[in-house]
Amino acid sequence: MRLFAYLILLCALAAPLSACGKKGDLEPPPGSKKTDYPREYPR
C-alpha cells in the first residue's frame, strides 16, 4: 500500500513538470504578418 501511495505521489509531482518547455517554433510561419515588436513607445 505504501508503494502505491509513493507511485501516485511521484506521478502527481512529475505531471506539471512534463508540461514545461518550448511548444513550437520561435520564428513566425512563412507568409504570416510581420510582428510589431520591438516597438517604440510614446514618450
C-alpha atoms as a PDB file:
ATOM      1  CA  MET A   1       0.000   0.000   0.000  1.00  0.00           C
ATOM      2  CA  ARG A   2       2.832   2.400   0.817  1.00  0.00           C
ATOM      3  CA  LEU A   3       4.496   1.718  -2.542  1.00  0.00           C
ATOM      4  CA  PHE A   4       1.254   2.518  -4.335  1.00  0.00           C
ATOM      5  CA  ALA A   5       0.963   5.815  -2.449  1.00  0.00           C
ATOM      6  CA  TYR A   6       4.564   6.723  -3.383  1.00  0.00           C
ATOM      7  CA  LEU A   7       3.869   5.981  -7.054  1.00  0.00           C
ATOM      8  CA  ILE A   8       0.752   8.170  -7.033  1.00  0.00           C
ATOM      9  CA  LEU A   9       2.690  10.979  -5.338  1.00  0.00           C
ATOM     10  CA  LEU A  10       5.521  10.672  -7.847  1.00  0.00           C
ATOM     11  CA  CYS A  11       3.118  10.863 -10.778  1.00  0.00           C
ATOM     12  CA  ALA A  12       1.328  13.860  -9.262  1.00  0.00           C
ATOM     13  CA  LEU A  13       4.603  15.728  -8.829  1.00  0.00           C
ATOM     14  CA  ALA A  14       6.009  14.784 -12.256  1.00  0.00           C
ATOM     15  CA  ALA A  15       2.910  15.701 -14.285  1.00  0.00           C
ATOM     16  CA  PRO A  16       3.280  19.514 -14.066  1.00  0.00           C
ATOM     17  CA  LEU A  17       6.958  19.286 -14.958  1.00  0.00           C
ATOM     18  CA  SER A  18       6.188  17.458 -18.170  1.00  0.00           C
ATOM     19  CA  ALA A  19       4.229  20.490 -19.415  1.00  0.00           C
ATOM     20  CA  CYS A  20       7.287  22.770 -19.362  1.00  0.00           C
ATOM     21  CA  GLY A  21       9.334  23.530 -22.438  1.00  0.00           C
ATOM     22  CA  LYS A  22       9.126  25.018 -25.894  1.00  0.00           C
ATOM     23  CA  LYS A  23       5.841  24.328 -27.617  1.00  0.00           C
ATOM     24  CA  GLY A  24       6.632  25.477 -31.132  1.00  0.00           C
ATOM     25  CA  ASP A  25       8.881  27.437 -33.444  1.00  0.00           C
ATOM     26  CA  LEU A  26      10.174  30.767 -32.220  1.00  0.00           C
ATOM     27  CA  GLU A  27      10.031  32.209 -35.726  1.00  0.00           C
ATOM     28  CA  PRO A  28       6.652  33.084 -37.264  1.00  0.00           C
ATOM     29  CA  PRO A  29       5.474  30.749 -40.009  1.00  0.00           C
ATOM     30  CA  PRO A  30       6.246  31.778 -43.601  1.00  0.00           C
ATOM     31  CA  GLY A  31       3.657  34.063 -45.129  1.00  0.00           C
ATOM     32  CA  SER A  32       2.487  35.460 -41.805  1.00  0.00           C
ATOM     33  CA  LYS A  33       2.222  39.131 -40.934  1.00  0.00           C
ATOM     34  CA  LYS A  34       5.402  40.658 -39.518  1.00  0.00           C
ATOM     35  CA  THR A  35       5.221  41.194 -35.775  1.00  0.00           C
ATOM     36  CA  ASP A  36       5.007  44.656 -34.252  1.00  0.00           C
ATOM     37  CA  TYR A  37       7.873  44.058 -31.810  1.00  0.00           C
ATOM     38  CA  PRO A  38      10.193  45.676 -30.912  1.00  0.00           C
ATOM     39  CA  ARG A  39       8.033  48.748 -30.797  1.00  0.00           C
ATOM     40  CA  GLU A  40       8.916  52.317 -29.903  1.00  0.00           C
ATOM     41  CA  TYR A  41       6.805  53.586 -27.046  1.00  0.00           C
ATOM     42  CA  PRO A  42       5.463  57.145 -26.992  1.00  0.00           C
ATOM     43  CA  ARG A  43       7.305  59.499 -24.687  1.00  0.00           C
END
